[in-house]
């Protein structure tokens, strides 16, 4: 990509793109995501976790996160401040 094109697509202060979902404000993202969720449920293609599936997903996520001892220590220190 040539430098002139990049300048047009990037903001001058942060150097990131001003386009796309991630660049929208949080309220706009939430509005769009809500519409998508409602459409998926109406269509019948949305997945709803059973309590067992949710429990298993939480267990797996917890196991992965807890393997990083430095991250867990950081979480513990932050929790102690509140």
C-alpha atoms as a PDB file:
ATOM      1  CA  UNK A   1       0.000   0.000   0.000  1.00  0.00           C
ATOM      2  CA  UNK A   2       1.431   3.398  -0.831  1.00  0.00           C
ATOM      3  CA  UNK A   3       1.947   5.969   1.974  1.00  0.00           C
ATOM      4  CA  UNK A   4      -0.652   8.414   0.592  1.00  0.00           C
ATOM      5  CA  UNK A   5      -3.385   5.768   0.726  1.00  0.00           C
ATOM      6  CA  UNK A   6      -2.410   4.775   4.261  1.00  0.00           C
ATOM      7  CA  UNK A   7      -2.644   8.367   5.438  1.00  0.00           C
ATOM      8  CA  UNK A   8      -6.203   8.592   4.145  1.00  0.00           C
ATOM      9  CA  UNK A   9      -7.256   5.397   5.944  1.00  0.00           C
ATOM     10  CA  UNK A  10      -5.535   6.078   9.261  1.00  0.00           C
ATOM     11  CA  UNK A  11      -6.237   8.664  11.881  1.00  0.00           C
ATOM     12  CA  UNK A  12      -3.344  10.994  12.449  1.00  0.00           C
ATOM     13  CA  UNK A  13      -3.237  10.655  16.238  1.00  0.00           C
ATOM     14  CA  UNK A  14      -3.404   6.900  16.821  1.00  0.00           C
ATOM     15  CA  UNK A  15      -2.249   5.462  13.505  1.00  0.00           C
ATOM     16  CA  UNK A  16      -5.195   3.078  13.373  1.00  0.00           C
ATOM     17  CA  UNK A  17      -7.986   2.719  10.891  1.00  0.00           C
ATOM     18  CA  UNK A  18     -11.107   4.841  11.310  1.00  0.00           C
ATOM     19  CA  UNK A  19     -13.209   2.175   9.630  1.00  0.00           C
ATOM     20  CA  UNK A  20     -14.887  -0.948  10.876  1.00  0.00           C
ATOM     21  CA  UNK A  21     -16.728  -2.279  13.877  1.00  0.00           C
ATOM     22  CA  UNK A  22     -13.894  -1.840  16.371  1.00  0.00           C
ATOM     23  CA  UNK A  23     -13.532   1.856  15.593  1.00  0.00           C
ATOM     24  CA  UNK A  24     -17.199   2.596  16.389  1.00  0.00           C
ATOM     25  CA  UNK A  25     -18.198   3.924  19.768  1.00  0.00           C
ATOM     26  CA  UNK A  26     -19.277   1.274  22.266  1.00  0.00           C
ATOM     27  CA  UNK A  27     -22.971   2.208  22.130  1.00  0.00           C
ATOM     28  CA  UNK A  28     -23.085   1.799  18.337  1.00  0.00           C
ATOM     29  CA  UNK A  29     -21.291  -1.567  18.577  1.00  0.00           C
ATOM     30  CA  UNK A  30     -23.792  -2.687  21.201  1.00  0.00           C
ATOM     31  CA  UNK A  31     -26.739  -1.632  19.042  1.00  0.00           C
ATOM     32  CA  UNK A  32     -25.458  -3.548  16.009  1.00  0.00           C
ATOM     33  CA  UNK A  33     -24.570  -6.648  18.041  1.00  0.00           C
ATOM     34  CA  UNK A  34     -28.018  -6.608  19.629  1.00  0.00           C
ATOM     35  CA  UNK A  35     -29.681  -6.575  16.219  1.00  0.00           C
ATOM     36  CA  UNK A  36     -27.549  -9.540  15.153  1.00  0.00           C
ATOM     37  CA  UNK A  37     -28.432 -11.503  18.253  1.00  0.00           C
ATOM     38  CA  UNK A  38     -32.147 -10.806  17.862  1.00  0.00           C
ATOM     39  CA  UNK A  39     -32.019 -11.845  14.193  1.00  0.00           C
ATOM     40  CA  UNK A  40     -30.207 -15.096  15.029  1.00  0.00           C
ATOM     41  CA  UNK A  41     -32.745 -15.977  17.706  1.00  0.00           C
ATOM     42  CA  UNK A  42     -35.640 -15.154  15.375  1.00  0.00           C
ATOM     43  CA  UNK A  43     -34.098 -17.320  12.662  1.00  0.00           C
ATOM     44  CA  UNK A  44     -33.446 -20.138  15.119  1.00  0.00           C
ATOM     45  CA  UNK A  45     -29.700 -20.284  14.511  1.00  0.00           C
ATOM     46  CA  UNK A  46     -28.580 -18.753  17.820  1.00  0.00           C
ATOM     47  CA  UNK A  47     -26.878 -21.062  20.283  1.00  0.00           C
ATOM     48  CA  UNK A  48     -28.085 -21.011  23.856  1.00  0.00           C
ATOM     49  CA  UNK A  49     -25.865 -22.695  26.400  1.00  0.00           C
ATOM     50  CA  UNK A  50     -27.363 -25.298  28.672  1.00  0.00           C
ATOM     51  CA  UNK A  51     -26.221 -25.025  32.292  1.00  0.00           C
ATOM     52  CA  UNK A  52     -23.908 -27.997  31.702  1.00  0.00           C
ATOM     53  CA  UNK A  53     -22.328 -26.423  28.597  1.00  0.00           C
ATOM     54  CA  UNK A  54     -21.840 -23.131  30.422  1.00  0.00           C
ATOM     55  CA  UNK A  55     -20.223 -24.896  33.375  1.00  0.00           C
ATOM     56  CA  UNK A  56     -17.838 -26.794  31.092  1.00  0.00           C
ATOM     57  CA  UNK A  57     -16.906 -23.655  29.135  1.00  0.00           C
ATOM     58  CA  UNK A  58     -16.198 -21.790  32.380  1.00  0.00           C
ATOM     59  CA  UNK A  59     -14.102 -24.657  33.685  1.00  0.00           C
ATOM     60  CA  UNK A  60     -12.016 -24.776  30.496  1.00  0.00           C
ATOM     61  CA  UNK A  61     -11.513 -21.006  30.468  1.00  0.00           C
ATOM     62  CA  UNK A  62     -10.518 -21.008  34.114  1.00  0.00           C
ATOM     63  CA  UNK A  63      -7.981 -23.766  33.526  1.00  0.00           C
ATOM     64  CA  UNK A  64      -6.361 -21.877  30.648  1.00  0.00           C
ATOM     65  CA  UNK A  65      -6.191 -18.575  32.521  1.00  0.00           C
ATOM     66  CA  UNK A  66      -4.869 -20.158  35.710  1.00  0.00           C
ATOM     67  CA  UNK A  67      -1.906 -21.678  33.844  1.00  0.00           C
ATOM     68  CA  UNK A  68      -0.417 -18.182  33.570  1.00  0.00           C
ATOM     69  CA  UNK A  69       0.767 -17.649  37.152  1.00  0.00           C
ATOM     70  CA  UNK A  70       1.889 -14.071  36.519  1.00  0.00           C
ATOM     71  CA  UNK A  71      -1.550 -13.154  35.187  1.00  0.00           C
ATOM     72  CA  UNK A  72      -3.237 -14.809  38.177  1.00  0.00           C
ATOM     73  CA  UNK A  73      -0.970 -12.873  40.557  1.00  0.00           C
ATOM     74  CA  UNK A  74      -1.950  -9.632  38.821  1.00  0.00           C
ATOM     75  CA  UNK A  75      -5.632 -10.496  39.132  1.00  0.00           C
ATOM     76  CA  UNK A  76      -5.150 -11.271  42.826  1.00  0.00           C
ATOM     77  CA  UNK A  77      -3.387  -7.979  43.484  1.00  0.00           C
ATOM     78  CA  UNK A  78      -6.147  -6.024  41.704  1.00  0.00           C
ATOM     79  CA  UNK A  79      -8.848  -7.867  43.614  1.00  0.00           C
ATOM     80  CA  UNK A  80      -7.204  -7.010  46.908  1.00  0.00           C
ATOM     81  CA  UNK A  81      -7.428  -3.285  46.157  1.00  0.00           C
ATOM     82  CA  UNK A  82     -11.218  -3.192  45.926  1.00  0.00           C
END
